[in-house]
């Protein structure tokens, strides 16, 4: 049966090389699957980083706008933090949840 296999495939170097490649692709700590997963995770993290950098720019723009306009600052405080003027009553209307 061994004589049917070409001599090249029976050589020590070929068998060692195949075993090495299989080991590196599937069993090593830096195998192909792990590298792929880490690369995908890195891309996700870079997208999240860009999203948060864009959000920071937007928040900073809104902050500058609010600090420069007292009417907008009052409107923001009333809507977001339910602040009120002395002698004023604030009514909060909570929409009903539908099941």
PDB file of N, CA and C in Angstrom:
ATOM      1  N   UNK A   1       0.821  -1.200   0.000  1.00  0.00           N
ATOM      2  CA  UNK A   1       0.000   0.000   0.000  1.00  0.00           C
ATOM      3  C   UNK A   1       0.867   1.268   0.000  1.00  0.00           C
ATOM      4  N   UNK A   2       1.940   1.287   0.753  1.00  0.00           N
ATOM      5  CA  UNK A   2       2.817   2.454   0.781  1.00  0.00           C
ATOM      6  C   UNK A   2       3.490   2.697  -0.566  1.00  0.00           C
ATOM      7  N   UNK A   3       3.643   1.637  -1.345  1.00  0.00           N
ATOM      8  CA  UNK A   3       4.304   1.807  -2.641  1.00  0.00           C
ATOM      9  C   UNK A   3       3.411   2.526  -3.644  1.00  0.00           C
ATOM     10  N   UNK A   4       2.118   2.578  -3.389  1.00  0.00           N
ATOM     11  CA  UNK A   4       1.205   3.306  -4.285  1.00  0.00           C
ATOM     12  C   UNK A   4       1.303   4.810  -4.092  1.00  0.00           C
ATOM     13  N   UNK A   5       1.696   5.243  -2.901  1.00  0.00           N
ATOM     14  CA  UNK A   5       1.848   6.682  -2.611  1.00  0.00           C
ATOM     15  C   UNK A   5       3.170   7.141  -3.211  1.00  0.00           C
ATOM     16  N   UNK A   6       3.154   8.241  -3.968  1.00  0.00           N
ATOM     17  CA  UNK A   6       4.416   8.713  -4.559  1.00  0.00           C
ATOM     18  C   UNK A   6       5.464   8.992  -3.481  1.00  0.00           C
ATOM     19  N   UNK A   7       6.683   8.830  -3.849  1.00  0.00           N
ATOM     20  CA  UNK A   7       7.798   8.967  -2.905  1.00  0.00           C
ATOM     21  C   UNK A   7       7.864  10.374  -2.307  1.00  0.00           C
ATOM     22  N   UNK A   8       7.524  11.352  -3.096  1.00  0.00           N
ATOM     23  CA  UNK A   8       7.557  12.742  -2.600  1.00  0.00           C
ATOM     24  C   UNK A   8       6.646  12.930  -1.379  1.00  0.00           C
ATOM     25  N   UNK A   9       5.435  12.340  -1.413  1.00  0.00           N
ATOM     26  CA  UNK A   9       4.475  12.476  -0.311  1.00  0.00           C
ATOM     27  C   UNK A   9       4.869  11.660   0.913  1.00  0.00           C
ATOM     28  N   UNK A  10       5.768  10.700   0.729  1.00  0.00           N
ATOM     29  CA  UNK A  10       6.228   9.895   1.860  1.00  0.00           C
ATOM     30  C   UNK A  10       7.474  10.472   2.502  1.00  0.00           C
ATOM     31  N   UNK A  11       8.003  11.521   1.943  1.00  0.00           N
ATOM     32  CA  UNK A  11       9.262  12.047   2.472  1.00  0.00           C
ATOM     33  C   UNK A  11       9.070  12.710   3.830  1.00  0.00           C
ATOM     34  N   UNK A  12      10.119  12.663   4.617  1.00  0.00           N
ATOM     35  CA  UNK A  12      10.104  13.237   5.967  1.00  0.00           C
ATOM     36  C   UNK A  12       9.798  14.742   5.920  1.00  0.00           C
ATOM     37  N   UNK A  13      10.386  15.435   4.984  1.00  0.00           N
ATOM     38  CA  UNK A  13      10.221  16.890   4.911  1.00  0.00           C
ATOM     39  C   UNK A  13       8.798  17.287   4.532  1.00  0.00           C
ATOM     40  N   UNK A  14       8.211  16.549   3.632  1.00  0.00           N
ATOM     41  CA  UNK A  14       6.835  16.840   3.235  1.00  0.00           C
ATOM     42  C   UNK A  14       5.879  16.595   4.405  1.00  0.00           C
ATOM     43  N   UNK A  15       6.013  15.470   5.055  1.00  0.00           N
ATOM     44  CA  UNK A  15       5.138  15.146   6.189  1.00  0.00           C
ATOM     45  C   UNK A  15       5.321  16.157   7.312  1.00  0.00           C
ATOM     46  N   UNK A  16       6.551  16.524   7.606  1.00  0.00           N
ATOM     47  CA  UNK A  16       6.831  17.517   8.643  1.00  0.00           C
ATOM     48  C   UNK A  16       6.237  18.877   8.270  1.00  0.00           C
ATOM     49  N   UNK A  17       6.361  19.253   7.023  1.00  0.00           N
ATOM     50  CA  UNK A  17       5.810  20.538   6.572  1.00  0.00           C
ATOM     51  C   UNK A  17       4.291  20.554   6.680  1.00  0.00           C
ATOM     52  N   UNK A  18       3.645  19.480   6.283  1.00  0.00           N
ATOM     53  CA  UNK A  18       2.184  19.400   6.372  1.00  0.00           C
ATOM     54  C   UNK A  18       1.742  19.469   7.825  1.00  0.00           C
ATOM     55  N   UNK A  19       2.400  18.738   8.692  1.00  0.00           N
ATOM     56  CA  UNK A  19       2.059  18.778  10.119  1.00  0.00           C
ATOM     57  C   UNK A  19       2.263  20.179  10.694  1.00  0.00           C
ATOM     58  N   UNK A  20       3.341  20.832  10.290  1.00  0.00           N
ATOM     59  CA  UNK A  20       3.601  22.193  10.764  1.00  0.00           C
ATOM     60  C   UNK A  20       2.498  23.153  10.311  1.00  0.00           C
ATOM     61  N   UNK A  21       2.106  23.063   9.057  1.00  0.00           N
ATOM     62  CA  UNK A  21       1.052  23.953   8.533  1.00  0.00           C
ATOM     63  C   UNK A  21      -0.272  23.686   9.237  1.00  0.00           C
ATOM     64  N   UNK A  22      -0.614  22.437   9.433  1.00  0.00           N
ATOM     65  CA  UNK A  22      -1.855  22.098  10.140  1.00  0.00           C
ATOM     66  C   UNK A  22      -1.804  22.635  11.566  1.00  0.00           C
ATOM     67  N   UNK A  23      -0.678  22.453  12.221  1.00  0.00           N
ATOM     68  CA  UNK A  23      -0.533  22.956  13.593  1.00  0.00           C
ATOM     69  C   UNK A  23      -0.712  24.478  13.630  1.00  0.00           C
ATOM     70  N   UNK A  24      -0.075  25.190  12.736  1.00  0.00           N
ATOM     71  CA  UNK A  24      -0.141  26.651  12.732  1.00  0.00           C
ATOM     72  C   UNK A  24      -1.537  27.158  12.362  1.00  0.00           C
ATOM     73  N   UNK A  25      -2.243  26.439  11.504  1.00  0.00           N
ATOM     74  CA  UNK A  25      -3.571  26.894  11.083  1.00  0.00           C
ATOM     75  C   UNK A  25      -4.652  26.616  12.123  1.00  0.00           C
ATOM     76  N   UNK A  26      -4.540  25.546  12.873  1.00  0.00           N
ATOM     77  CA  UNK A  26      -5.655  25.141  13.722  1.00  0.00           C
ATOM     78  C   UNK A  26      -5.351  25.029  15.217  1.00  0.00           C
ATOM     79  N   UNK A  27      -4.133  24.701  15.599  1.00  0.00           N
ATOM     80  CA  UNK A  27      -3.875  24.392  17.002  1.00  0.00           C
ATOM     81  C   UNK A  27      -3.037  25.425  17.743  1.00  0.00           C
ATOM     82  N   UNK A  28      -2.321  26.243  17.060  1.00  0.00           N
ATOM     83  CA  UNK A  28      -1.462  27.229  17.705  1.00  0.00           C
ATOM     84  C   UNK A  28      -2.304  28.327  18.355  1.00  0.00           C
ATOM     85  N   UNK A  29      -1.729  29.033  19.341  1.00  0.00           N
ATOM     86  CA  UNK A  29      -2.483  30.106  20.016  1.00  0.00           C
ATOM     87  C   UNK A  29      -2.757  31.283  19.079  1.00  0.00           C
ATOM     88  N   UNK A  30      -2.008  31.403  18.015  1.00  0.00           N
ATOM     89  CA  UNK A  30      -2.232  32.448  17.012  1.00  0.00           C
ATOM     90  C   UNK A  30      -2.763  31.849  15.714  1.00  0.00           C
ATOM     91  N   UNK A  31      -3.674  30.903  15.834  1.00  0.00           N
ATOM     92  CA  UNK A  31      -4.177  30.219  14.651  1.00  0.00           C
ATOM     93  C   UNK A  31      -5.019  31.142  13.776  1.00  0.00           C
ATOM     94  N   UNK A  32      -5.364  30.644  12.640  1.00  0.00           N
ATOM     95  CA  UNK A  32      -6.090  31.420  11.623  1.00  0.00           C
ATOM     96  C   UNK A  32      -7.435  31.909  12.147  1.00  0.00           C
ATOM     97  N   UNK A  33      -8.178  31.056  12.822  1.00  0.00           N
ATOM     98  CA  UNK A  33      -9.509  31.416  13.320  1.00  0.00           C
ATOM     99  C   UNK A  33      -9.411  32.527  14.365  1.00  0.00           C
ATOM    100  N   UNK A  34      -8.463  32.413  15.277  1.00  0.00           N
ATOM    101  CA  UNK A  34      -8.276  33.443  16.303  1.00  0.00           C
ATOM    102  C   UNK A  34      -7.880  34.772  15.672  1.00  0.00           C
ATOM    103  N   UNK A  35      -7.000  34.725  14.701  1.00  0.00           N
ATOM    104  CA  UNK A  35      -6.581  35.951  14.025  1.00  0.00           C
ATOM    105  C   UNK A  35      -7.751  36.613  13.316  1.00  0.00           C
ATOM    106  N   UNK A  36      -8.600  35.822  12.697  1.00  0.00           N
ATOM    107  CA  UNK A  36      -9.775  36.358  12.017  1.00  0.00           C
ATOM    108  C   UNK A  36     -10.718  37.028  13.021  1.00  0.00           C
ATOM    109  N   UNK A  37     -10.982  36.353  14.137  1.00  0.00           N
ATOM    110  CA  UNK A  37     -11.868  36.911  15.159  1.00  0.00           C
ATOM    111  C   UNK A  37     -11.295  38.195  15.747  1.00  0.00           C
ATOM    112  N   UNK A  38      -9.998  38.210  15.998  1.00  0.00           N
ATOM    113  CA  UNK A  38      -9.370  39.411  16.556  1.00  0.00           C
ATOM    114  C   UNK A  38      -9.410  40.563  15.560  1.00  0.00           C
ATOM    115  N   UNK A  39      -9.223  40.268  14.281  1.00  0.00           N
ATOM    116  CA  UNK A  39      -9.284  41.295  13.249  1.00  0.00           C
ATOM    117  C   UNK A  39     -10.687  41.879  13.160  1.00  0.00           C
ATOM    118  N   UNK A  40     -11.706  41.022  13.216  1.00  0.00           N
ATOM    119  CA  UNK A  40     -13.097  41.480  13.182  1.00  0.00           C
ATOM    120  C   UNK A  40     -13.417  42.334  14.412  1.00  0.00           C
ATOM    121  N   UNK A  41     -12.938  41.909  15.579  1.00  0.00           N
ATOM    122  CA  UNK A  41     -13.163  42.679  16.808  1.00  0.00           C
ATOM    123  C   UNK A  41     -12.476  44.043  16.733  1.00  0.00           C
ATOM    124  N   UNK A  42     -11.281  44.080  16.162  1.00  0.00           N
ATOM    125  CA  UNK A  42     -10.569  45.344  15.999  1.00  0.00           C
ATOM    126  C   UNK A  42     -11.353  46.303  15.102  1.00  0.00           C
ATOM    127  N   UNK A  43     -11.914  45.802  14.017  1.00  0.00           N
ATOM    128  CA  UNK A  43     -12.713  46.650  13.129  1.00  0.00           C
ATOM    129  C   UNK A  43     -13.941  47.198  13.858  1.00  0.00           C
ATOM    130  N   UNK A  44     -14.594  46.345  14.661  1.00  0.00           N
ATOM    131  CA  UNK A  44     -15.754  46.792  15.437  1.00  0.00           C
ATOM    132  C   UNK A  44     -15.356  47.889  16.418  1.00  0.00           C
ATOM    133  N   UNK A  45     -14.228  47.705  17.086  1.00  0.00           N
ATOM    134  CA  UNK A  45     -13.764  48.698  18.061  1.00  0.00           C
ATOM    135  C   UNK A  45     -13.409  50.018  17.374  1.00  0.00           C
ATOM    136  N   UNK A  46     -12.817  49.942  16.188  1.00  0.00           N
ATOM    137  CA  UNK A  46     -12.490  51.164  15.459  1.00  0.00           C
ATOM    138  C   UNK A  46     -13.754  51.906  15.037  1.00  0.00           C
ATOM    139  N   UNK A  47     -14.796  51.153  14.638  1.00  0.00           N
ATOM    140  CA  UNK A  47     -16.068  51.786  14.287  1.00  0.00           C
ATOM    141  C   UNK A  47     -16.693  52.447  15.511  1.00  0.00           C
ATOM    142  N   UNK A  48     -16.636  51.768  16.659  1.00  0.00           N
ATOM    143  CA  UNK A  48     -17.169  52.349  17.895  1.00  0.00           C
ATOM    144  C   UNK A  48     -16.387  53.609  18.273  1.00  0.00           C
ATOM    145  N   UNK A  49     -15.075  53.564  18.104  1.00  0.00           N
ATOM    146  CA  UNK A  49     -14.238  54.724  18.418  1.00  0.00           C
ATOM    147  C   UNK A  49     -14.649  55.909  17.556  1.00  0.00           C
ATOM    148  N   UNK A  50     -14.836  55.677  16.264  1.00  0.00           N
ATOM    149  CA  UNK A  50     -15.240  56.755  15.362  1.00  0.00           C
ATOM    150  C   UNK A  50     -16.612  57.294  15.739  1.00  0.00           C
ATOM    151  N   UNK A  51     -17.540  56.391  16.108  1.00  0.00           N
ATOM    152  CA  UNK A  51     -18.876  56.816  16.528  1.00  0.00           C
ATOM    153  C   UNK A  51     -18.781  57.744  17.744  1.00  0.00           C
ATOM    154  N   UNK A  52     -17.991  57.345  18.743  1.00  0.00           N
ATOM    155  CA  UNK A  52     -17.883  58.157  19.951  1.00  0.00           C
ATOM    156  C   UNK A  52     -17.133  59.459  19.701  1.00  0.00           C
ATOM    157  N   UNK A  53     -16.167  59.456  18.802  1.00  0.00           N
ATOM    158  CA  UNK A  53     -15.490  60.710  18.460  1.00  0.00           C
ATOM    159  C   UNK A  53     -16.471  61.673  17.789  1.00  0.00           C
ATOM    160  N   UNK A  54     -17.316  61.155  16.902  1.00  0.00           N
ATOM    161  CA  UNK A  54     -18.330  61.990  16.257  1.00  0.00           C
ATOM    162  C   UNK A  54     -19.319  62.527  17.290  1.00  0.00           C
ATOM    163  N   UNK A  55     -19.723  61.676  18.239  1.00  0.00           N
ATOM    164  CA  UNK A  55     -20.641  62.102  19.298  1.00  0.00           C
ATOM    165  C   UNK A  55     -20.010  63.197  20.152  1.00  0.00           C
ATOM    166  N   UNK A  56     -18.714  63.061  20.449  1.00  0.00           N
ATOM    167  CA  UNK A  56     -18.031  64.077  21.251  1.00  0.00           C
ATOM    168  C   UNK A  56     -18.038  65.428  20.545  1.00  0.00           C
ATOM    169  N   UNK A  57     -17.815  65.412  19.240  1.00  0.00           N
ATOM    170  CA  UNK A  57     -17.838  66.658  18.471  1.00  0.00           C
ATOM    171  C   UNK A  57     -19.236  67.271  18.517  1.00  0.00           C
ATOM    172  N   UNK A  58     -20.255  66.424  18.350  1.00  0.00           N
ATOM    173  CA  UNK A  58     -21.637  66.905  18.378  1.00  0.00           C
ATOM    174  C   UNK A  58     -22.000  67.486  19.743  1.00  0.00           C
ATOM    175  N   UNK A  59     -21.611  66.811  20.812  1.00  0.00           N
ATOM    176  CA  UNK A  59     -21.919  67.284  22.166  1.00  0.00           C
ATOM    177  C   UNK A  59     -21.185  68.591  22.452  1.00  0.00           C
ATOM    178  N   UNK A  60     -19.953  68.687  22.014  1.00  0.00           N
ATOM    179  CA  UNK A  60     -19.186  69.924  22.234  1.00  0.00           C
ATOM    180  C   UNK A  60     -19.823  71.097  21.477  1.00  0.00           C
ATOM    181  N   UNK A  61     -20.314  70.838  20.268  1.00  0.00           N
ATOM    182  CA  UNK A  61     -20.993  71.878  19.493  1.00  0.00           C
ATOM    183  C   UNK A  61     -22.271  72.329  20.213  1.00  0.00           C
ATOM    184  N   UNK A  62     -23.059  71.355  20.686  1.00  0.00           N
ATOM    185  CA  UNK A  62     -24.280  71.681  21.434  1.00  0.00           C
ATOM    186  C   UNK A  62     -23.961  72.445  22.714  1.00  0.00           C
ATOM    187  N   UNK A  63     -22.896  72.056  23.385  1.00  0.00           N
ATOM    188  CA  UNK A  63     -22.497  72.736  24.627  1.00  0.00           C
ATOM    189  C   UNK A  63     -22.148  74.200  24.366  1.00  0.00           C
ATOM    190  N   UNK A  64     -21.335  74.429  23.324  1.00  0.00           N
ATOM    191  CA  UNK A  64     -20.976  75.816  22.986  1.00  0.00           C
ATOM    192  C   UNK A  64     -22.219  76.630  22.639  1.00  0.00           C
ATOM    193  N   UNK A  65     -23.143  75.987  21.907  1.00  0.00           N
ATOM    194  CA  UNK A  65     -24.380  76.663  21.513  1.00  0.00           C
ATOM    195  C   UNK A  65     -25.217  77.008  22.746  1.00  0.00           C
ATOM    196  N   UNK A  66     -25.319  76.073  23.687  1.00  0.00           N
ATOM    197  CA  UNK A  66     -26.112  76.307  24.901  1.00  0.00           C
ATOM    198  C   UNK A  66     -25.495  77.390  25.781  1.00  0.00           C
ATOM    199  N   UNK A  67     -24.191  77.357  25.933  1.00  0.00           N
ATOM    200  CA  UNK A  67     -23.533  78.329  26.808  1.00  0.00           C
ATOM    201  C   UNK A  67     -23.564  79.741  26.218  1.00  0.00           C
ATOM    202  N   UNK A  68     -23.754  79.833  24.931  1.00  0.00           N
ATOM    203  CA  UNK A  68     -23.767  81.143  24.296  1.00  0.00           C
ATOM    204  C   UNK A  68     -25.154  81.775  24.243  1.00  0.00           C
ATOM    205  N   UNK A  69     -26.204  81.020  24.508  1.00  0.00           N
ATOM    206  CA  UNK A  69     -27.552  81.526  24.381  1.00  0.00           C
ATOM    207  C   UNK A  69     -28.341  81.199  25.657  1.00  0.00           C
ATOM    208  N   UNK A  70     -28.633  82.213  26.494  1.00  0.00           N
ATOM    209  CA  UNK A  70     -29.329  81.956  27.765  1.00  0.00           C
ATOM    210  C   UNK A  70     -30.736  81.369  27.581  1.00  0.00           C
ATOM    211  N   UNK A  71     -31.435  81.750  26.513  1.00  0.00           N
ATOM    212  CA  UNK A  71     -32.775  81.205  26.291  1.00  0.00           C
ATOM    213  C   UNK A  71     -32.720  79.700  26.013  1.00  0.00           C
ATOM    214  N   UNK A  72     -31.756  79.294  25.209  1.00  0.00           N
ATOM    215  CA  UNK A  72     -31.594  77.872  24.926  1.00  0.00           C
ATOM    216  C   UNK A  72     -31.177  77.100  26.175  1.00  0.00           C
ATOM    217  N   UNK A  73     -30.333  77.712  26.998  1.00  0.00           N
ATOM    218  CA  UNK A  73     -29.901  77.070  28.229  1.00  0.00           C
ATOM    219  C   UNK A  73     -31.080  76.846  29.168  1.00  0.00           C
ATOM    220  N   UNK A  74     -31.950  77.851  29.279  1.00  0.00           N
ATOM    221  CA  UNK A  74     -33.130  77.700  30.126  1.00  0.00           C
ATOM    222  C   UNK A  74     -34.061  76.623  29.563  1.00  0.00           C
ATOM    223  N   UNK A  75     -34.262  76.624  28.267  1.00  0.00           N
ATOM    224  CA  UNK A  75     -35.126  75.622  27.641  1.00  0.00           C
ATOM    225  C   UNK A  75     -34.573  74.209  27.878  1.00  0.00           C
ATOM    226  N   UNK A  76     -33.281  74.053  27.723  1.00  0.00           N
ATOM    227  CA  UNK A  76     -32.644  72.764  27.948  1.00  0.00           C
ATOM    228  C   UNK A  76     -32.805  72.317  29.401  1.00  0.00           C
ATOM    229  N   UNK A  77     -32.577  73.225  30.348  1.00  0.00           N
ATOM    230  CA  UNK A  77     -32.705  72.883  31.769  1.00  0.00           C
ATOM    231  C   UNK A  77     -34.138  72.503  32.112  1.00  0.00           C
ATOM    232  N   UNK A  78     -35.100  73.196  31.556  1.00  0.00           N
ATOM    233  CA  UNK A  78     -36.506  72.897  31.843  1.00  0.00           C
ATOM    234  C   UNK A  78     -36.904  71.536  31.263  1.00  0.00           C
ATOM    235  N   UNK A  79     -36.457  71.235  30.034  1.00  0.00           N
ATOM    236  CA  UNK A  79     -36.854  69.986  29.393  1.00  0.00           C
ATOM    237  C   UNK A  79     -36.109  68.773  29.953  1.00  0.00           C
ATOM    238  N   UNK A  80     -34.818  68.908  30.151  1.00  0.00           N
ATOM    239  CA  UNK A  80     -34.016  67.748  30.539  1.00  0.00           C
ATOM    240  C   UNK A  80     -34.007  67.497  32.047  1.00  0.00           C
ATOM    241  N   UNK A  81     -33.987  68.551  32.842  1.00  0.00           N
ATOM    242  CA  UNK A  81     -33.843  68.391  34.283  1.00  0.00           C
ATOM    243  C   UNK A  81     -35.084  68.821  35.063  1.00  0.00           C
ATOM    244  N   UNK A  82     -36.161  69.116  34.345  1.00  0.00           N
ATOM    245  CA  UNK A  82     -37.443  69.484  34.948  1.00  0.00           C
ATOM    246  C   UNK A  82     -37.309  70.642  35.940  1.00  0.00           C
ATOM    247  N   UNK A  83     -36.464  71.589  35.606  1.00  0.00           N
ATOM    248  CA  UNK A  83     -36.303  72.765  36.467  1.00  0.00           C
ATOM    249  C   UNK A  83     -37.477  73.712  36.238  1.00  0.00           C
ATOM    250  N   UNK A  84     -37.721  74.531  37.234  1.00  0.00           N
ATOM    251  CA  UNK A  84     -38.851  75.468  37.133  1.00  0.00           C
ATOM    252  C   UNK A  84     -38.490  76.768  37.814  1.00  0.00           C
ATOM    253  N   UNK A  85     -39.284  77.783  37.504  1.00  0.00           N
ATOM    254  CA  UNK A  85     -39.114  79.078  38.159  1.00  0.00           C
ATOM    255  C   UNK A  85     -39.871  79.043  39.483  1.00  0.00           C
ATOM    256  N   UNK A  86     -39.500  79.912  40.414  1.00  0.00           N
ATOM    257  CA  UNK A  86     -40.236  79.965  41.693  1.00  0.00           C
ATOM    258  C   UNK A  86     -41.707  80.300  41.450  1.00  0.00           C
ATOM    259  N   UNK A  87     -42.600  79.572  42.127  1.00  0.00           N
ATOM    260  CA  UNK A  87     -44.026  79.815  41.995  1.00  0.00           C
ATOM    261  C   UNK A  87     -44.660  79.090  40.830  1.00  0.00           C
ATOM    262  N   UNK A  88     -43.901  78.336  40.082  1.00  0.00           N
ATOM    263  CA  UNK A  88     -44.395  77.608  38.922  1.00  0.00           C
ATOM    264  C   UNK A  88     -44.648  76.150  39.298  1.00  0.00           C
ATOM    265  N   UNK A  89     -45.642  75.537  38.695  1.00  0.00           N
ATOM    266  CA  UNK A  89     -45.885  74.110  38.879  1.00  0.00           C
ATOM    267  C   UNK A  89     -45.534  73.390  37.583  1.00  0.00           C
ATOM    268  N   UNK A  90     -44.898  72.236  37.723  1.00  0.00           N
ATOM    269  CA  UNK A  90     -44.517  71.438  36.563  1.00  0.00           C
ATOM    270  C   UNK A  90     -45.319  70.150  36.602  1.00  0.00           C
ATOM    271  N   UNK A  91     -45.982  69.852  35.489  1.00  0.00           N
ATOM    272  CA  UNK A  91     -46.746  68.623  35.366  1.00  0.00           C
ATOM    273  C   UNK A  91     -46.029  67.716  34.364  1.00  0.00           C
ATOM    274  N   UNK A  92     -45.789  66.480  34.787  1.00  0.00           N
ATOM    275  CA  UNK A  92     -45.122  65.515  33.919  1.00  0.00           C
ATOM    276  C   UNK A  92     -46.169  64.542  33.408  1.00  0.00           C
ATOM    277  N   UNK A  93     -46.260  64.426  32.105  1.00  0.00           N
ATOM    278  CA  UNK A  93     -47.234  63.529  31.492  1.00  0.00           C
ATOM    279  C   UNK A  93     -46.460  62.325  30.972  1.00  0.00           C
ATOM    280  N   UNK A  94     -46.779  61.162  31.518  1.00  0.00           N
ATOM    281  CA  UNK A  94     -46.113  59.919  31.115  1.00  0.00           C
ATOM    282  C   UNK A  94     -47.066  59.132  30.233  1.00  0.00           C
ATOM    283  N   UNK A  95     -46.664  58.819  29.008  1.00  0.00           N
ATOM    284  CA  UNK A  95     -47.547  58.070  28.128  1.00  0.00           C
ATOM    285  C   UNK A  95     -47.762  56.642  28.640  1.00  0.00           C
ATOM    286  N   UNK A  96     -48.964  56.130  28.374  1.00  0.00           N
ATOM    287  CA  UNK A  96     -49.305  54.777  28.802  1.00  0.00           C
ATOM    288  C   UNK A  96     -48.564  53.758  27.954  1.00  0.00           C
ATOM    289  N   UNK A  97     -48.085  52.708  28.587  1.00  0.00           N
ATOM    290  CA  UNK A  97     -47.429  51.629  27.850  1.00  0.00           C
ATOM    291  C   UNK A  97     -48.473  50.649  27.377  1.00  0.00           C
ATOM    292  N   UNK A  98     -48.361  50.282  26.106  1.00  0.00           N
ATOM    293  CA  UNK A  98     -49.294  49.296  25.556  1.00  0.00           C
ATOM    294  C   UNK A  98     -48.639  47.939  25.605  1.00  0.00           C
ATOM    295  N   UNK A  99     -49.392  46.950  26.080  1.00  0.00           N
ATOM    296  CA  UNK A  99     -48.848  45.589  26.175  1.00  0.00           C
ATOM    297  C   UNK A  99     -49.167  44.787  24.973  1.00  0.00           C
TER     298      UNK A  99
END
